[in-house]
């Protein structure tokens, strides 16, 4: 005697996967994450560039102040401007020497400007203000 097994289970295909709504929600989540990452990256690059310019401007100001302090005698009371190329960038140093109440010292104020591309040296390009005193040796 032979037995034949005949399946009584109806033929149903179960599709496994995501619905269109689930895919759209996942894409929205990934888009939000991508936008957030792009914004943070942009801010980081902007902050890095600002810190780089401030560091170079500080070096320029310290170098200029050292020159003034090492010069012979008391620096003359005046305002001067100097263009400079430093760190592959163009800079302007505005020096202002003013008298103090002590006759042996003068105040030196330095303002450092950075030139961006074809821009001129303007207030918006001011990177650093540096002040100090220079006196007689």
Protein backbone atom coordinates (compact mmCIF):
# COMPACT_ATOMS: atom_id res chain seq x y z
CA UNK A 1 0.00 0.00 0.00
CA UNK A 2 1.28 3.32 -1.04
CA UNK A 3 0.51 6.52 0.61
CA UNK A 4 0.55 9.76 -1.21
CA UNK A 5 0.98 12.85 0.87
CA UNK A 6 -1.07 15.61 -0.54
CA UNK A 7 -0.61 18.93 1.10
CA UNK A 8 -3.75 20.63 2.12
CA UNK A 9 -2.01 23.97 2.81
CA UNK A 10 -3.00 26.58 0.29
CA UNK A 11 -0.20 28.20 -1.66
CA UNK A 12 0.39 31.59 -0.04
CA UNK A 13 3.41 33.73 -0.78
CA UNK A 14 4.51 35.98 2.05
CA UNK A 15 6.39 39.01 0.92
CA UNK A 16 9.03 40.17 3.32
CA UNK A 17 10.18 43.79 3.09
CA UNK A 18 9.33 47.35 3.93
CA UNK A 19 6.24 49.22 3.05
CA UNK A 20 6.48 52.46 1.12
CA UNK A 21 5.65 54.42 4.26
CA UNK A 22 8.50 52.80 6.18
CA UNK A 23 10.95 53.58 3.38
CA UNK A 24 9.85 57.24 3.23
CA UNK A 25 10.23 57.62 7.01
CA UNK A 26 13.69 56.02 6.90
CA UNK A 27 14.75 58.39 4.11
CA UNK A 28 13.51 61.38 6.11
CA UNK A 29 15.51 60.26 9.15
CA UNK A 30 18.67 59.82 7.07
CA UNK A 31 18.12 63.22 5.42
CA UNK A 32 17.85 64.91 8.82
CA UNK A 33 20.97 63.17 10.06
CA UNK A 34 22.86 64.14 6.88
CA UNK A 35 21.77 67.77 7.18
CA UNK A 36 22.90 67.90 10.82
CA UNK A 37 26.29 66.40 9.98
CA UNK A 38 26.77 68.87 7.12
CA UNK A 39 25.94 71.83 9.38
CA UNK A 40 28.34 70.71 12.12
CA UNK A 41 31.10 70.11 9.57
CA UNK A 42 30.59 73.56 8.06
CA UNK A 43 30.75 75.22 11.48
CA UNK A 44 33.92 73.30 12.34
CA UNK A 45 35.64 74.43 9.15
CA UNK A 46 34.61 78.06 9.76
CA UNK A 47 35.89 77.94 13.34
CA UNK A 48 39.17 76.36 12.21
CA UNK A 49 39.75 79.13 9.66
CA UNK A 50 38.95 81.85 12.21
CA UNK A 51 41.37 80.33 14.75
CA UNK A 52 44.07 80.02 12.06
CA UNK A 53 43.72 83.71 11.13
CA UNK A 54 43.74 84.81 14.79
CA UNK A 55 46.88 82.76 15.45
CA UNK A 56 48.74 84.25 12.48
CA UNK A 57 47.53 87.77 13.35
CA UNK A 58 48.80 87.28 16.90
CA UNK A 59 52.24 86.24 15.58
CA UNK A 60 52.32 89.32 13.34
CA UNK A 61 51.36 91.60 16.24
CA UNK A 62 53.93 90.06 18.59
CA UNK A 63 56.64 90.41 15.91
CA UNK A 64 55.73 94.07 15.32
CA UNK A 65 55.65 94.81 19.05
CA UNK A 66 59.08 93.20 19.45
CA UNK A 67 60.41 95.41 16.62
CA UNK A 68 59.03 98.53 18.33
CA UNK A 69 60.46 97.55 21.71
CA UNK A 70 63.87 96.72 20.25
CA UNK A 71 64.18 100.01 18.36
CA UNK A 72 66.49 102.67 19.74
CA UNK A 73 64.88 105.13 22.12
CA UNK A 74 61.27 105.93 22.78
CA UNK A 75 58.95 105.26 19.79
CA UNK A 76 57.64 108.46 18.22
CA UNK A 77 53.99 109.42 18.69
CA UNK A 78 52.36 108.70 15.33
CA UNK A 79 50.07 106.43 13.34
CA UNK A 80 51.42 104.25 10.55
CA UNK A 81 50.17 101.57 8.17
CA UNK A 82 52.14 98.68 6.78
CA UNK A 83 51.22 95.99 4.25
CA UNK A 84 52.62 92.53 4.80
CA UNK A 85 52.51 89.10 3.22
CA UNK A 86 52.63 86.39 5.85
CA UNK A 87 51.45 82.79 5.72
CA UNK A 88 50.44 83.09 2.04
CA UNK A 89 47.95 85.81 3.01
CA UNK A 90 47.95 89.59 2.73
CA UNK A 91 47.79 91.57 5.95
CA UNK A 92 47.77 95.20 7.03
CA UNK A 93 49.17 96.46 10.33
CA UNK A 94 47.90 99.78 11.64
CA UNK A 95 50.18 101.05 14.43
CA UNK A 96 49.25 103.90 16.70
CA UNK A 97 51.76 105.19 19.26
CA UNK A 98 50.40 107.57 21.92
CA UNK A 99 51.96 109.28 24.92
CA UNK A 100 51.31 108.11 28.48
CA UNK A 101 51.56 109.96 31.78
CA UNK A 102 55.04 108.48 32.26
CA UNK A 103 57.58 110.23 30.01
CA UNK A 104 59.64 107.02 29.73
CA UNK A 105 56.85 104.95 28.14
CA UNK A 106 54.51 105.22 25.17
CA UNK A 107 51.46 103.10 24.44
CA UNK A 108 51.47 101.08 21.22
CA UNK A 109 48.16 99.87 19.74
CA UNK A 110 48.26 97.49 16.78
CA UNK A 111 45.26 96.57 14.65
CA UNK A 112 45.74 93.62 12.29
CA UNK A 113 43.59 93.31 9.15
CA UNK A 114 43.33 90.33 6.78
CA UNK A 115 42.69 90.78 3.08
CA UNK A 116 40.23 88.24 1.67
CA UNK A 117 40.55 87.75 -2.07
CA UNK A 118 39.89 91.01 -3.91
CA UNK A 119 38.48 92.73 -0.81
CA UNK A 120 40.17 95.80 0.57
CA UNK A 121 41.29 96.11 4.17
CA UNK A 122 38.07 97.13 5.91
CA UNK A 123 36.69 97.08 9.45
CA UNK A 124 35.01 93.74 8.74
CA UNK A 125 38.40 92.22 8.00
CA UNK A 126 39.86 93.25 11.36
CA UNK A 127 41.21 90.13 13.02
CA UNK A 128 43.06 91.31 16.11
CA UNK A 129 43.76 94.35 18.29
CA UNK A 130 46.98 94.17 20.29
CA UNK A 131 48.16 96.76 22.84
CA UNK A 132 51.37 97.17 24.77
CA UNK A 133 53.95 99.64 26.02
CA UNK A 134 57.41 100.52 24.78
CA UNK A 135 59.92 102.59 26.68
CA UNK A 136 63.44 103.98 26.82
CA UNK A 137 66.32 101.57 27.34
